[in-house]
Structures are given as C-alpha cells and as structure tokens.
Amino acid sequence: MHQISKEEQQQTGTAMLDEYCRHYSDF
C-alpha cells in the first residue's frame, strides 16, 4: 500500500486550496 508522505499531502492540500481560492475569487 502506498503511504502518502507529508510533502505529498502538503502539495495536494495546497493545490486544493489554490483551486478553492480561484473558484471563490469571483465573489
């Protein structure tokens, strides 16, 4: 089973946050 490293988790979290900000930047 593939274990997610902290660095990978941070990258994913940052990408999600970036998409979230872009999605709500219209308001």
PDB file of N, CA and C in Angstrom:
ATOM      1  N   MET A   1       0.841  -1.198   0.000  1.00  0.00           N
ATOM      2  CA  MET A   1       0.000   0.000   0.000  1.00  0.00           C
ATOM      3  C   MET A   1       0.881   1.255   0.000  1.00  0.00           C
ATOM      4  N   HIS A   2       0.518   2.201  -0.819  1.00  0.00           N
ATOM      5  CA  HIS A   2       1.320   3.425  -0.940  1.00  0.00           C
ATOM      6  C   HIS A   2       1.043   4.360   0.230  1.00  0.00           C
ATOM      7  N   GLN A   3       2.104   4.710   0.919  1.00  0.00           N
ATOM      8  CA  GLN A   3       1.966   5.637   2.039  1.00  0.00           C
ATOM      9  C   GLN A   3       2.229   7.059   1.555  1.00  0.00           C
ATOM     10  N   ILE A   4       1.323   7.952   1.860  1.00  0.00           N
ATOM     11  CA  ILE A   4       1.471   9.335   1.423  1.00  0.00           C
ATOM     12  C   ILE A   4       2.404  10.072   2.377  1.00  0.00           C
ATOM     13  N   SER A   5       3.446  10.663   1.819  1.00  0.00           N
ATOM     14  CA  SER A   5       4.383  11.421   2.642  1.00  0.00           C
ATOM     15  C   SER A   5       3.787  12.777   2.992  1.00  0.00           C
ATOM     16  N   LYS A   6       4.369  13.403   3.992  1.00  0.00           N
ATOM     17  CA  LYS A   6       3.859  14.711   4.409  1.00  0.00           C
ATOM     18  C   LYS A   6       4.001  15.726   3.281  1.00  0.00           C
ATOM     19  N   GLU A   7       5.087  15.622   2.530  1.00  0.00           N
ATOM     20  CA  GLU A   7       5.299  16.556   1.425  1.00  0.00           C
ATOM     21  C   GLU A   7       4.205  16.400   0.372  1.00  0.00           C
ATOM     22  N   GLU A   8       3.855  15.147   0.072  1.00  0.00           N
ATOM     23  CA  GLU A   8       2.798  14.912  -0.911  1.00  0.00           C
ATOM     24  C   GLU A   8       1.477  15.470  -0.410  1.00  0.00           C
ATOM     25  N   GLN A   9       1.202  15.246   0.872  1.00  0.00           N
ATOM     26  CA  GLN A   9      -0.038  15.745   1.447  1.00  0.00           C
ATOM     27  C   GLN A   9      -0.087  17.266   1.367  1.00  0.00           C
ATOM     28  N   GLN A  10       1.032  17.914   1.654  1.00  0.00           N
ATOM     29  CA  GLN A  10       1.081  19.374   1.606  1.00  0.00           C
ATOM     30  C   GLN A  10       0.833  19.862   0.182  1.00  0.00           C
ATOM     31  N   GLN A  11       1.434  19.198  -0.798  1.00  0.00           N
ATOM     32  CA  GLN A  11       1.251  19.603  -2.190  1.00  0.00           C
ATOM     33  C   GLN A  11      -0.213  19.473  -2.584  1.00  0.00           C
ATOM     34  N   THR A  12      -0.848  18.371  -2.175  1.00  0.00           N
ATOM     35  CA  THR A  12      -2.251  18.158  -2.503  1.00  0.00           C
ATOM     36  C   THR A  12      -3.109  19.215  -1.827  1.00  0.00           C
ATOM     37  N   GLY A  13      -2.816  19.485  -0.561  1.00  0.00           N
ATOM     38  CA  GLY A  13      -3.582  20.479   0.178  1.00  0.00           C
ATOM     39  C   GLY A  13      -3.443  21.853  -0.450  1.00  0.00           C
ATOM     40  N   THR A  14      -2.233  22.185  -0.876  1.00  0.00           N
ATOM     41  CA  THR A  14      -2.005  23.488  -1.494  1.00  0.00           C
ATOM     42  C   THR A  14      -2.760  23.583  -2.813  1.00  0.00           C
ATOM     43  N   ALA A  15      -2.753  22.516  -3.595  1.00  0.00           N
ATOM     44  CA  ALA A  15      -3.447  22.516  -4.875  1.00  0.00           C
ATOM     45  C   ALA A  15      -4.948  22.693  -4.660  1.00  0.00           C
ATOM     46  N   MET A  16      -5.482  21.994  -3.664  1.00  0.00           N
ATOM     47  CA  MET A  16      -6.909  22.105  -3.368  1.00  0.00           C
ATOM     48  C   MET A  16      -7.242  23.518  -2.912  1.00  0.00           C
ATOM     49  N   LEU A  17      -6.385  24.079  -2.061  1.00  0.00           N
ATOM     50  CA  LEU A  17      -6.603  25.431  -1.564  1.00  0.00           C
ATOM     51  C   LEU A  17      -6.543  26.426  -2.722  1.00  0.00           C
ATOM     52  N   ASP A  18      -5.611  26.213  -3.638  1.00  0.00           N
ATOM     53  CA  ASP A  18      -5.462  27.104  -4.787  1.00  0.00           C
ATOM     54  C   ASP A  18      -6.719  27.062  -5.648  1.00  0.00           C
ATOM     55  N   GLU A  19      -7.243  25.859  -5.901  1.00  0.00           N
ATOM     56  CA  GLU A  19      -8.463  25.725  -6.693  1.00  0.00           C
ATOM     57  C   GLU A  19      -9.632  26.375  -5.972  1.00  0.00           C
ATOM     58  N   TYR A  20      -9.691  26.169  -4.663  1.00  0.00           N
ATOM     59  CA  TYR A  20     -10.754  26.744  -3.840  1.00  0.00           C
ATOM     60  C   TYR A  20     -10.734  28.261  -3.952  1.00  0.00           C
ATOM     61  N   CYS A  21      -9.546  28.851  -3.823  1.00  0.00           N
ATOM     62  CA  CYS A  21      -9.421  30.312  -3.899  1.00  0.00           C
ATOM     63  C   CYS A  21      -9.825  30.802  -5.287  1.00  0.00           C
ATOM     64  N   ARG A  22      -9.394  30.081  -6.317  1.00  0.00           N
ATOM     65  CA  ARG A  22      -9.721  30.502  -7.677  1.00  0.00           C
ATOM     66  C   ARG A  22     -11.227  30.418  -7.906  1.00  0.00           C
ATOM     67  N   HIS A  23     -11.850  29.398  -7.317  1.00  0.00           N
ATOM     68  CA  HIS A  23     -13.281  29.186  -7.514  1.00  0.00           C
ATOM     69  C   HIS A  23     -14.092  30.291  -6.870  1.00  0.00           C
ATOM     70  N   TYR A  24     -13.612  30.781  -5.725  1.00  0.00           N
ATOM     71  CA  TYR A  24     -14.373  31.781  -4.978  1.00  0.00           C
ATOM     72  C   TYR A  24     -13.846  33.198  -5.188  1.00  0.00           C
ATOM     73  N   SER A  25     -12.854  33.358  -6.055  1.00  0.00           N
ATOM     74  CA  SER A  25     -12.306  34.696  -6.290  1.00  0.00           C
ATOM     75  C   SER A  25     -13.290  35.567  -7.070  1.00  0.00           C
ATOM     76  N   ASP A  26     -14.302  34.936  -7.676  1.00  0.00           N
ATOM     77  CA  ASP A  26     -15.284  35.698  -8.449  1.00  0.00           C
ATOM     78  C   ASP A  26     -16.183  36.526  -7.542  1.00  0.00           C
ATOM     79  N   PHE A  27     -16.380  36.073  -6.321  1.00  0.00           N
ATOM     80  CA  PHE A  27     -17.324  36.753  -5.424  1.00  0.00           C
ATOM     81  C   PHE A  27     -16.724  38.021  -4.852  1.00  0.00           C
TER      82      PHE A  27
END
